[in-house]
Amino acid sequence: MTAVYGRTRSVIETGVFLTRLSRDVSLPQHVREQAKRLLRHYPTEQAVRLAGQCEAIRRDESLRLPLSSGTLHPILATWPLLDPFFCDSMDLDTPKSIAPPALAT
């Protein structure tokens, strides 16, 4: 599975790409309209980063939970097991722990 920083960067870059497509007058009108339709419900960069911040808070708070899962509500007991979907890093090009895979040429 994709690393969280790569997934975050990819989602943000896809939004930028769709925006460029929607504004490129050299493309056929139906292509620009499809890009606009897709963007209508696509997350903004700010929304993706906010999701990453919320997941970072969840991760930090889950580390404070007691070690005994018997005292926790079942949904809280699974928090530490969940991998984040997005990251909150503003610098997505330099991941903190794992280097991005090399691009195939």
PDB file of N, CA and C in Angstrom:
ATOM      1  N   MET A   1       0.840  -1.179   0.000  1.00  0.00           N
ATOM      2  CA  MET A   1       0.000   0.000   0.000  1.00  0.00           C
ATOM      3  C   MET A   1       0.882   1.239   0.000  1.00  0.00           C
ATOM      4  N   THR A   2       0.365   2.293  -0.537  1.00  0.00           N
ATOM      5  CA  THR A   2       1.078   3.562  -0.629  1.00  0.00           C
ATOM      6  C   THR A   2       1.343   4.142   0.748  1.00  0.00           C
ATOM      7  N   ALA A   3       2.512   4.734   0.907  1.00  0.00           N
ATOM      8  CA  ALA A   3       2.833   5.412   2.162  1.00  0.00           C
ATOM      9  C   ALA A   3       1.933   6.633   2.310  1.00  0.00           C
ATOM     10  N   VAL A   4       1.685   7.013   3.537  1.00  0.00           N
ATOM     11  CA  VAL A   4       0.730   8.084   3.811  1.00  0.00           C
ATOM     12  C   VAL A   4       1.138   9.407   3.158  1.00  0.00           C
ATOM     13  N   TYR A   5       2.424   9.744   3.169  1.00  0.00           N
ATOM     14  CA  TYR A   5       2.837  11.010   2.544  1.00  0.00           C
ATOM     15  C   TYR A   5       2.685  10.944   1.028  1.00  0.00           C
ATOM     16  N   GLY A   6       2.943   9.797   0.425  1.00  0.00           N
ATOM     17  CA  GLY A   6       2.769   9.648  -1.017  1.00  0.00           C
ATOM     18  C   GLY A   6       1.312   9.745  -1.421  1.00  0.00           C
ATOM     19  N   ARG A   7       0.438   9.138  -0.619  1.00  0.00           N
ATOM     20  CA  ARG A   7      -0.998   9.208  -0.886  1.00  0.00           C
ATOM     21  C   ARG A   7      -1.483  10.658  -0.779  1.00  0.00           C
ATOM     22  N   THR A   8      -1.028  11.351   0.253  1.00  0.00           N
ATOM     23  CA  THR A   8      -1.423  12.749   0.451  1.00  0.00           C
ATOM     24  C   THR A   8      -0.973  13.593  -0.728  1.00  0.00           C
ATOM     25  N   ARG A   9       0.282  13.454  -1.102  1.00  0.00           N
ATOM     26  CA  ARG A   9       0.823  14.234  -2.225  1.00  0.00           C
ATOM     27  C   ARG A   9       0.061  13.915  -3.509  1.00  0.00           C
ATOM     28  N   SER A  10      -0.234  12.650  -3.735  1.00  0.00           N
ATOM     29  CA  SER A  10      -0.933  12.236  -4.948  1.00  0.00           C
ATOM     30  C   SER A  10      -2.335  12.838  -5.025  1.00  0.00           C
ATOM     31  N   VAL A  11      -3.055  12.820  -3.910  1.00  0.00           N
ATOM     32  CA  VAL A  11      -4.415  13.386  -3.904  1.00  0.00           C
ATOM     33  C   VAL A  11      -4.356  14.880  -4.182  1.00  0.00           C
ATOM     34  N   ILE A  12      -3.418  15.574  -3.556  1.00  0.00           N
ATOM     35  CA  ILE A  12      -3.297  17.022  -3.774  1.00  0.00           C
ATOM     36  C   ILE A  12      -2.899  17.319  -5.218  1.00  0.00           C
ATOM     37  N   GLU A  13      -1.923  16.592  -5.741  1.00  0.00           N
ATOM     38  CA  GLU A  13      -1.476  16.828  -7.112  1.00  0.00           C
ATOM     39  C   GLU A  13      -2.551  16.485  -8.135  1.00  0.00           C
ATOM     40  N   THR A  14      -3.373  15.490  -7.842  1.00  0.00           N
ATOM     41  CA  THR A  14      -4.479  15.155  -8.750  1.00  0.00           C
ATOM     42  C   THR A  14      -5.475  16.303  -8.813  1.00  0.00           C
ATOM     43  N   GLY A  15      -5.752  16.927  -7.673  1.00  0.00           N
ATOM     44  CA  GLY A  15      -6.639  18.098  -7.669  1.00  0.00           C
ATOM     45  C   GLY A  15      -6.072  19.230  -8.503  1.00  0.00           C
ATOM     46  N   VAL A  16      -4.768  19.463  -8.388  1.00  0.00           N
ATOM     47  CA  VAL A  16      -4.104  20.509  -9.184  1.00  0.00           C
ATOM     48  C   VAL A  16      -4.198  20.158 -10.672  1.00  0.00           C
ATOM     49  N   PHE A  17      -3.981  18.903 -10.998  1.00  0.00           N
ATOM     50  CA  PHE A  17      -4.046  18.448 -12.391  1.00  0.00           C
ATOM     51  C   PHE A  17      -5.445  18.638 -12.963  1.00  0.00           C
ATOM     52  N   LEU A  18      -6.452  18.241 -12.214  1.00  0.00           N
ATOM     53  CA  LEU A  18      -7.829  18.415 -12.687  1.00  0.00           C
ATOM     54  C   LEU A  18      -8.174  19.890 -12.869  1.00  0.00           C
ATOM     55  N   THR A  19      -7.670  20.727 -11.989  1.00  0.00           N
ATOM     56  CA  THR A  19      -7.913  22.164 -12.119  1.00  0.00           C
ATOM     57  C   THR A  19      -7.283  22.688 -13.404  1.00  0.00           C
ATOM     58  N   ARG A  20      -6.040  22.261 -13.677  1.00  0.00           N
ATOM     59  CA  ARG A  20      -5.386  22.691 -14.924  1.00  0.00           C
ATOM     60  C   ARG A  20      -6.167  22.203 -16.150  1.00  0.00           C
ATOM     61  N   LEU A  21      -6.627  20.952 -16.091  1.00  0.00           N
ATOM     62  CA  LEU A  21      -7.407  20.433 -17.219  1.00  0.00           C
ATOM     63  C   LEU A  21      -8.683  21.249 -17.425  1.00  0.00           C
ATOM     64  N   SER A  22      -9.339  21.597 -16.338  1.00  0.00           N
ATOM     65  CA  SER A  22     -10.608  22.319 -16.438  1.00  0.00           C
ATOM     66  C   SER A  22     -10.441  23.715 -17.019  1.00  0.00           C
ATOM     67  N   ARG A  23      -9.227  24.258 -16.971  1.00  0.00           N
ATOM     68  CA  ARG A  23      -8.978  25.631 -17.443  1.00  0.00           C
ATOM     69  C   ARG A  23      -8.232  25.683 -18.770  1.00  0.00           C
ATOM     70  N   ASP A  24      -7.832  24.545 -19.289  1.00  0.00           N
ATOM     71  CA  ASP A  24      -7.032  24.494 -20.524  1.00  0.00           C
ATOM     72  C   ASP A  24      -7.946  24.610 -21.740  1.00  0.00           C
ATOM     73  N   VAL A  25      -7.966  25.798 -22.343  1.00  0.00           N
ATOM     74  CA  VAL A  25      -8.864  26.038 -23.476  1.00  0.00           C
ATOM     75  C   VAL A  25      -8.443  25.294 -24.735  1.00  0.00           C
ATOM     76  N   SER A  26      -7.236  24.722 -24.746  1.00  0.00           N
ATOM     77  CA  SER A  26      -6.818  23.945 -25.913  1.00  0.00           C
ATOM     78  C   SER A  26      -7.452  22.552 -25.913  1.00  0.00           C
ATOM     79  N   LEU A  27      -8.041  22.150 -24.780  1.00  0.00           N
ATOM     80  CA  LEU A  27      -8.694  20.847 -24.688  1.00  0.00           C
ATOM     81  C   LEU A  27     -10.144  20.954 -25.131  1.00  0.00           C
ATOM     82  N   PRO A  28     -10.727  19.849 -25.590  1.00  0.00           N
ATOM     83  CA  PRO A  28     -12.145  19.867 -25.964  1.00  0.00           C
ATOM     84  C   PRO A  28     -13.027  20.242 -24.761  1.00  0.00           C
ATOM     85  N   GLN A  29     -14.138  20.885 -25.048  1.00  0.00           N
ATOM     86  CA  GLN A  29     -15.055  21.334 -24.001  1.00  0.00           C
ATOM     87  C   GLN A  29     -15.515  20.185 -23.103  1.00  0.00           C
ATOM     88  N   HIS A  30     -15.808  19.015 -23.680  1.00  0.00           N
ATOM     89  CA  HIS A  30     -16.295  17.898 -22.861  1.00  0.00           C
ATOM     90  C   HIS A  30     -15.234  17.422 -21.855  1.00  0.00           C
ATOM     91  N   VAL A  31     -13.958  17.534 -22.201  1.00  0.00           N
ATOM     92  CA  VAL A  31     -12.888  17.154 -21.272  1.00  0.00           C
ATOM     93  C   VAL A  31     -12.836  18.152 -20.123  1.00  0.00           C
ATOM     94  N   ARG A  32     -12.915  19.441 -20.442  1.00  0.00           N
ATOM     95  CA  ARG A  32     -12.892  20.473 -19.395  1.00  0.00           C
ATOM     96  C   ARG A  32     -14.114  20.352 -18.479  1.00  0.00           C
ATOM     97  N   GLU A  33     -15.257  20.058 -19.056  1.00  0.00           N
ATOM     98  CA  GLU A  33     -16.470  19.909 -18.241  1.00  0.00           C
ATOM     99  C   GLU A  33     -16.378  18.693 -17.321  1.00  0.00           C
ATOM    100  N   GLN A  34     -15.815  17.599 -17.828  1.00  0.00           N
ATOM    101  CA  GLN A  34     -15.648  16.408 -16.991  1.00  0.00           C
ATOM    102  C   GLN A  34     -14.697  16.702 -15.829  1.00  0.00           C
ATOM    103  N   ALA A  35     -13.618  17.412 -16.098  1.00  0.00           N
ATOM    104  CA  ALA A  35     -12.680  17.785 -15.029  1.00  0.00           C
ATOM    105  C   ALA A  35     -13.384  18.649 -13.986  1.00  0.00           C
ATOM    106  N   LYS A  36     -14.214  19.577 -14.423  1.00  0.00           N
ATOM    107  CA  LYS A  36     -14.961  20.432 -13.480  1.00  0.00           C
ATOM    108  C   LYS A  36     -15.941  19.613 -12.655  1.00  0.00           C
ATOM    109  N   ARG A  37     -16.619  18.649 -13.294  1.00  0.00           N
ATOM    110  CA  ARG A  37     -17.552  17.792 -12.556  1.00  0.00           C
ATOM    111  C   ARG A  37     -16.816  16.979 -11.486  1.00  0.00           C
ATOM    112  N   LEU A  38     -15.654  16.452 -11.842  1.00  0.00           N
ATOM    113  CA  LEU A  38     -14.879  15.679 -10.873  1.00  0.00           C
ATOM    114  C   LEU A  38     -14.386  16.555  -9.721  1.00  0.00           C
ATOM    115  N   LEU A  39     -14.028  17.777 -10.028  1.00  0.00           N
ATOM    116  CA  LEU A  39     -13.525  18.688  -8.991  1.00  0.00           C
ATOM    117  C   LEU A  39     -14.614  19.138  -8.022  1.00  0.00           C
ATOM    118  N   ARG A  40     -15.851  19.091  -8.453  1.00  0.00           N
ATOM    119  CA  ARG A  40     -16.951  19.595  -7.621  1.00  0.00           C
ATOM    120  C   ARG A  40     -16.970  18.934  -6.245  1.00  0.00           C
ATOM    121  N   HIS A  41     -16.638  17.658  -6.177  1.00  0.00           N
ATOM    122  CA  HIS A  41     -16.663  16.942  -4.899  1.00  0.00           C
ATOM    123  C   HIS A  41     -15.288  16.434  -4.499  1.00  0.00           C
ATOM    124  N   TYR A  42     -14.268  16.900  -5.170  1.00  0.00           N
ATOM    125  CA  TYR A  42     -12.898  16.477  -4.861  1.00  0.00           C
ATOM    126  C   TYR A  42     -12.387  17.299  -3.676  1.00  0.00           C
ATOM    127  N   PRO A  43     -11.635  16.681  -2.760  1.00  0.00           N
ATOM    128  CA  PRO A  43     -11.164  17.441  -1.597  1.00  0.00           C
ATOM    129  C   PRO A  43     -10.118  18.486  -1.989  1.00  0.00           C
ATOM    130  N   THR A  44     -10.209  19.640  -1.350  1.00  0.00           N
ATOM    131  CA  THR A  44      -9.209  20.676  -1.558  1.00  0.00           C
ATOM    132  C   THR A  44      -7.930  20.301  -0.829  1.00  0.00           C
ATOM    133  N   GLU A  45      -6.854  20.978  -1.147  1.00  0.00           N
ATOM    134  CA  GLU A  45      -5.592  20.732  -0.447  1.00  0.00           C
ATOM    135  C   GLU A  45      -5.761  20.990   1.047  1.00  0.00           C
ATOM    136  N   GLN A  46      -6.504  22.036   1.385  1.00  0.00           N
ATOM    137  CA  GLN A  46      -6.726  22.359   2.792  1.00  0.00           C
ATOM    138  C   GLN A  46      -7.500  21.247   3.496  1.00  0.00           C
ATOM    139  N   ALA A  47      -8.492  20.665   2.829  1.00  0.00           N
ATOM    140  CA  ALA A  47      -9.282  19.592   3.432  1.00  0.00           C
ATOM    141  C   ALA A  47      -8.419  18.341   3.650  1.00  0.00           C
ATOM    142  N   VAL A  48      -7.544  18.050   2.702  1.00  0.00           N
ATOM    143  CA  VAL A  48      -6.663  16.886   2.834  1.00  0.00           C
ATOM    144  C   VAL A  48      -5.708  17.084   4.001  1.00  0.00           C
ATOM    145  N   ARG A  49      -5.138  18.279   4.094  1.00  0.00           N
ATOM    146  CA  ARG A  49      -4.205  18.559   5.192  1.00  0.00           C
ATOM    147  C   ARG A  49      -4.924  18.554   6.549  1.00  0.00           C
ATOM    148  N   LEU A  50      -6.157  19.058   6.578  1.00  0.00           N
ATOM    149  CA  LEU A  50      -6.936  19.024   7.820  1.00  0.00           C
ATOM    150  C   LEU A  50      -7.214  17.581   8.235  1.00  0.00           C
ATOM    151  N   ALA A  51      -7.533  16.736   7.269  1.00  0.00           N
ATOM    152  CA  ALA A  51      -7.743  15.316   7.571  1.00  0.00           C
ATOM    153  C   ALA A  51      -6.470  14.715   8.150  1.00  0.00           C
ATOM    154  N   GLY A  52      -5.331  15.088   7.590  1.00  0.00           N
ATOM    155  CA  GLY A  52      -4.055  14.609   8.115  1.00  0.00           C
ATOM    156  C   GLY A  52      -3.803  15.091   9.532  1.00  0.00           C
ATOM    157  N   GLN A  53      -4.159  16.343   9.810  1.00  0.00           N
ATOM    158  CA  GLN A  53      -3.997  16.882  11.168  1.00  0.00           C
ATOM    159  C   GLN A  53      -4.893  16.140  12.152  1.00  0.00           C
ATOM    160  N   CYS A  54      -6.123  15.861  11.740  1.00  0.00           N
ATOM    161  CA  CYS A  54      -7.043  15.115  12.611  1.00  0.00           C
ATOM    162  C   CYS A  54      -6.511  13.708  12.880  1.00  0.00           C
ATOM    163  N   GLU A  55      -5.954  13.085  11.863  1.00  0.00           N
ATOM    164  CA  GLU A  55      -5.398  11.750  12.057  1.00  0.00           C
ATOM    165  C   GLU A  55      -4.168  11.786  12.958  1.00  0.00           C
ATOM    166  N   ALA A  56      -3.376  12.854  12.859  1.00  0.00           N
ATOM    167  CA  ALA A  56      -2.214  12.985  13.749  1.00  0.00           C
ATOM    168  C   ALA A  56      -2.675  13.145  15.195  1.00  0.00           C
ATOM    169  N   ILE A  57      -3.743  13.908  15.401  1.00  0.00           N
ATOM    170  CA  ILE A  57      -4.297  14.068  16.749  1.00  0.00           C
ATOM    171  C   ILE A  57      -4.805  12.727  17.258  1.00  0.00           C
ATOM    172  N   ARG A  58      -5.519  11.985  16.392  1.00  0.00           N
ATOM    173  CA  ARG A  58      -6.022  10.660  16.781  1.00  0.00           C
ATOM    174  C   ARG A  58      -4.875   9.744  17.179  1.00  0.00           C
ATOM    175  N   ARG A  59      -3.823   9.766  16.378  1.00  0.00           N
ATOM    176  CA  ARG A  59      -2.661   8.918  16.664  1.00  0.00           C
ATOM    177  C   ARG A  59      -2.039   9.296  18.014  1.00  0.00           C
ATOM    178  N   ASP A  60      -1.840  10.589  18.238  1.00  0.00           N
ATOM    179  CA  ASP A  60      -1.233  11.047  19.492  1.00  0.00           C
ATOM    180  C   ASP A  60      -2.116  10.712  20.689  1.00  0.00           C
ATOM    181  N   GLU A  61      -3.416  10.916  20.541  1.00  0.00           N
ATOM    182  CA  GLU A  61      -4.336  10.630  21.643  1.00  0.00           C
ATOM    183  C   GLU A  61      -4.430   9.134  21.912  1.00  0.00           C
ATOM    184  N   SER A  62      -4.337   8.322  20.861  1.00  0.00           N
ATOM    185  CA  SER A  62      -4.437   6.874  21.071  1.00  0.00           C
ATOM    186  C   SER A  62      -3.239   6.344  21.860  1.00  0.00           C
ATOM    187  N   LEU A  63      -2.096   7.040  21.745  1.00  0.00           N
ATOM    188  CA  LEU A  63      -0.914   6.625  22.509  1.00  0.00           C
ATOM    189  C   LEU A  63      -1.086   6.879  24.005  1.00  0.00           C
ATOM    190  N   ARG A  64      -2.024   7.744  24.356  1.00  0.00           N
ATOM    191  CA  ARG A  64      -2.275   8.064  25.768  1.00  0.00           C
ATOM    192  C   ARG A  64      -3.297   7.124  26.403  1.00  0.00           C
ATOM    193  N   LEU A  65      -3.924   6.273  25.599  1.00  0.00           N
ATOM    194  CA  LEU A  65      -4.924   5.350  26.129  1.00  0.00           C
ATOM    195  C   LEU A  65      -4.248   4.312  27.015  1.00  0.00           C
ATOM    196  N   PRO A  66      -4.958   3.810  28.024  1.00  0.00           N
ATOM    197  CA  PRO A  66      -4.374   2.762  28.865  1.00  0.00           C
ATOM    198  C   PRO A  66      -4.057   1.520  28.042  1.00  0.00           C
ATOM    199  N   LEU A  67      -3.056   0.786  28.461  1.00  0.00           N
ATOM    200  CA  LEU A  67      -2.633  -0.408  27.714  1.00  0.00           C
ATOM    201  C   LEU A  67      -3.669  -1.519  27.737  1.00  0.00           C
ATOM    202  N   SER A  68      -4.480  -1.594  28.768  1.00  0.00           N
ATOM    203  CA  SER A  68      -5.494  -2.641  28.879  1.00  0.00           C
ATOM    204  C   SER A  68      -6.706  -2.257  28.046  1.00  0.00           C
ATOM    205  N   SER A  69      -6.954  -3.002  26.961  1.00  0.00           N
ATOM    206  CA  SER A  69      -8.100  -2.685  26.096  1.00  0.00           C
ATOM    207  C   SER A  69      -9.422  -3.109  26.731  1.00  0.00           C
ATOM    208  N   GLY A  70      -9.377  -3.880  27.830  1.00  0.00           N
ATOM    209  CA  GLY A  70     -10.605  -4.310  28.490  1.00  0.00           C
ATOM    210  C   GLY A  70     -11.356  -3.158  29.132  1.00  0.00           C
ATOM    211  N   THR A  71     -10.681  -2.058  29.408  1.00  0.00           N
ATOM    212  CA  THR A  71     -11.332  -0.911  30.033  1.00  0.00           C
ATOM    213  C   THR A  71     -11.839   0.095  29.010  1.00  0.00           C
ATOM    214  N   LEU A  72     -11.549  -0.133  27.736  1.00  0.00           N
ATOM    215  CA  LEU A  72     -11.932   0.810  26.692  1.00  0.00           C
ATOM    216  C   LEU A  72     -13.171   0.347  25.947  1.00  0.00           C
ATOM    217  N   HIS A  73     -13.891   1.308  25.418  1.00  0.00           N
ATOM    218  CA  HIS A  73     -14.964   0.987  24.491  1.00  0.00           C
ATOM    219  C   HIS A  73     -14.315   0.304  23.287  1.00  0.00           C
ATOM    220  N   PRO A  74     -14.957  -0.693  22.688  1.00  0.00           N
ATOM    221  CA  PRO A  74     -14.336  -1.438  21.580  1.00  0.00           C
ATOM    222  C   PRO A  74     -13.828  -0.557  20.436  1.00  0.00           C
ATOM    223  N   ILE A  75     -14.531   0.508  20.120  1.00  0.00           N
ATOM    224  CA  ILE A  75     -14.074   1.356  19.010  1.00  0.00           C
ATOM    225  C   ILE A  75     -12.777   2.059  19.377  1.00  0.00           C
ATOM    226  N   LEU A  76     -12.606   2.437  20.628  1.00  0.00           N
ATOM    227  CA  LEU A  76     -11.370   3.082  21.050  1.00  0.00           C
ATOM    228  C   LEU A  76     -10.210   2.100  21.097  1.00  0.00           C
ATOM    229  N   ALA A  77     -10.498   0.862  21.347  1.00  0.00           N
ATOM    230  CA  ALA A  77      -9.447  -0.156  21.407  1.00  0.00           C
ATOM    231  C   ALA A  77      -8.798  -0.372  20.045  1.00  0.00           C
ATOM    232  N   THR A  78      -9.505  -0.046  18.954  1.00  0.00           N
ATOM    233  CA  THR A  78      -8.944  -0.234  17.622  1.00  0.00           C
ATOM    234  C   THR A  78      -8.174   0.981  17.120  1.00  0.00           C
ATOM    235  N   TRP A  79      -8.291   2.108  17.771  1.00  0.00           N
ATOM    236  CA  TRP A  79      -7.602   3.317  17.314  1.00  0.00           C
ATOM    237  C   TRP A  79      -6.129   3.123  17.044  1.00  0.00           C
ATOM    238  N   PRO A  80      -5.376   2.514  17.956  1.00  0.00           N
ATOM    239  CA  PRO A  80      -3.936   2.370  17.699  1.00  0.00           C
ATOM    240  C   PRO A  80      -3.625   1.483  16.496  1.00  0.00           C
ATOM    241  N   LEU A  81      -4.582   0.679  16.059  1.00  0.00           N
ATOM    242  CA  LEU A  81      -4.343  -0.231  14.947  1.00  0.00           C
ATOM    243  C   LEU A  81      -4.539   0.423  13.586  1.00  0.00           C
ATOM    244  N   LEU A  82      -5.193   1.570  13.544  1.00  0.00           N
ATOM    245  CA  LEU A  82      -5.531   2.205  12.285  1.00  0.00           C
ATOM    246  C   LEU A  82      -4.359   3.018  11.738  1.00  0.00           C
ATOM    247  N   ASP A  83      -4.025   2.787  10.484  1.00  0.00           N
ATOM    248  CA  ASP A  83      -3.002   3.596   9.832  1.00  0.00           C
ATOM    249  C   ASP A  83      -3.652   4.869   9.322  1.00  0.00           C
ATOM    250  N   PRO A  84      -2.947   5.984   9.381  1.00  0.00           N
ATOM    251  CA  PRO A  84      -3.511   7.224   8.848  1.00  0.00           C
ATOM    252  C   PRO A  84      -3.645   7.149   7.331  1.00  0.00           C
ATOM    253  N   PHE A  85      -4.648   7.823   6.816  1.00  0.00           N
ATOM    254  CA  PHE A  85      -4.865   7.846   5.375  1.00  0.00           C
ATOM    255  C   PHE A  85      -4.110   9.002   4.745  1.00  0.00           C
ATOM    256  N   PHE A  86      -4.083  10.152   5.428  1.00  0.00           N
ATOM    257  CA  PHE A  86      -3.365  11.338   4.963  1.00  0.00           C
ATOM    258  C   PHE A  86      -2.389  11.775   6.031  1.00  0.00           C
ATOM    259  N   CYS A  87      -1.413  12.584   5.628  1.00  0.00           N
ATOM    260  CA  CYS A  87      -0.495  13.147   6.610  1.00  0.00           C
ATOM    261  C   CYS A  87      -0.751  14.638   6.730  1.00  0.00           C
ATOM    262  N   ASP A  88      -0.254  15.223   7.796  1.00  0.00           N
ATOM    263  CA  ASP A  88      -0.471  16.637   8.038  1.00  0.00           C
ATOM    264  C   ASP A  88       0.753  17.479   7.716  1.00  0.00           C
ATOM    265  N   SER A  89       1.792  16.860   7.168  1.00  0.00           N
ATOM    266  CA  SER A  89       3.020  17.574   6.882  1.00  0.00           C
ATOM    267  C   SER A  89       2.809  18.591   5.774  1.00  0.00           C
ATOM    268  N   MET A  90       3.322  19.773   5.992  1.00  0.00           N
ATOM    269  CA  MET A  90       3.242  20.800   4.955  1.00  0.00           C
ATOM    270  C   MET A  90       4.319  20.578   3.894  1.00  0.00           C
ATOM    271  N   ASP A  91       5.361  19.837   4.218  1.00  0.00           N
ATOM    272  CA  ASP A  91       6.447  19.563   3.289  1.00  0.00           C
ATOM    273  C   ASP A  91       6.362  18.103   2.863  1.00  0.00           C
ATOM    274  N   LEU A  92       5.578  17.829   1.841  1.00  0.00           N
ATOM    275  CA  LEU A  92       5.323  16.452   1.431  1.00  0.00           C
ATOM    276  C   LEU A  92       6.470  15.856   0.625  1.00  0.00           C
ATOM    277  N   ASP A  93       7.416  16.672   0.181  1.00  0.00           N
ATOM    278  CA  ASP A  93       8.501  16.155  -0.635  1.00  0.00           C
ATOM    279  C   ASP A  93       9.612  15.523   0.193  1.00  0.00           C
ATOM    280  N   THR A  94       9.630  15.786   1.490  1.00  0.00           N
ATOM    281  CA  THR A  94      10.685  15.227   2.331  1.00  0.00           C
ATOM    282  C   THR A  94      10.070  14.474   3.489  1.00  0.00           C
ATOM    283  N   PRO A  95       9.692  13.215   3.269  1.00  0.00           N
ATOM    284  CA  PRO A  95       9.100  12.433   4.348  1.00  0.00           C
ATOM    285  C   PRO A  95      10.081  12.258   5.485  1.00  0.00           C
ATOM    286  N   LYS A  96       9.536  12.127   6.682  1.00  0.00           N
ATOM    287  CA  LYS A  96      10.370  12.064   7.872  1.00  0.00           C
ATOM    288  C   LYS A  96      10.976  10.688   8.102  1.00  0.00           C
ATOM    289  N   SER A  97      10.301   9.625   7.680  1.00  0.00           N
ATOM    290  CA  SER A  97      10.804   8.316   8.055  1.00  0.00           C
ATOM    291  C   SER A  97      11.181   7.414   6.890  1.00  0.00           C
ATOM    292  N   ILE A  98      10.404   7.408   5.832  1.00  0.00           N
ATOM    293  CA  ILE A  98      10.638   6.458   4.750  1.00  0.00           C
ATOM    294  C   ILE A  98      10.848   7.242   3.452  1.00  0.00           C
ATOM    295  N   ALA A  99      11.882   6.897   2.725  1.00  0.00           N
ATOM    296  CA  ALA A  99      12.141   7.563   1.449  1.00  0.00           C
ATOM    297  C   ALA A  99      11.121   7.103   0.414  1.00  0.00           C
ATOM    298  N   PRO A 100      10.668   8.007  -0.471  1.00  0.00           N
ATOM    299  CA  PRO A 100       9.712   7.612  -1.504  1.00  0.00           C
ATOM    300  C   PRO A 100      10.357   6.663  -2.499  1.00  0.00           C
ATOM    301  N   PRO A 101       9.571   5.765  -3.099  1.00  0.00           N
ATOM    302  CA  PRO A 101      10.125   4.842  -4.076  1.00  0.00           C
ATOM    303  C   PRO A 101      10.605   5.605  -5.314  1.00  0.00           C
ATOM    304  N   ALA A 102      11.611   5.082  -5.969  1.00  0.00           N
ATOM    305  CA  ALA A 102      12.133   5.717  -7.190  1.00  0.00           C
ATOM    306  C   ALA A 102      11.103   5.580  -8.287  1.00  0.00           C
ATOM    307  N   LEU A 103      11.016   6.608  -9.110  1.00  0.00           N
ATOM    308  CA  LEU A 103      10.090   6.574 -10.237  1.00  0.00           C
ATOM    309  C   LEU A 103      10.649   5.688 -11.339  1.00  0.00           C
ATOM    310  N   ALA A 104       9.803   4.889 -11.939  1.00  0.00           N
ATOM    311  CA  ALA A 104      10.214   4.042 -13.050  1.00  0.00           C
ATOM    312  C   ALA A 104      10.387   4.909 -14.295  1.00  0.00           C
ATOM    313  N   THR A 105      11.427   4.672 -15.011  1.00  0.00           N
ATOM    314  CA  THR A 105      11.647   5.468 -16.235  1.00  0.00           C
ATOM    315  C   THR A 105      11.594   4.600 -17.454  1.00  0.00           C
TER     316      THR A 105
END
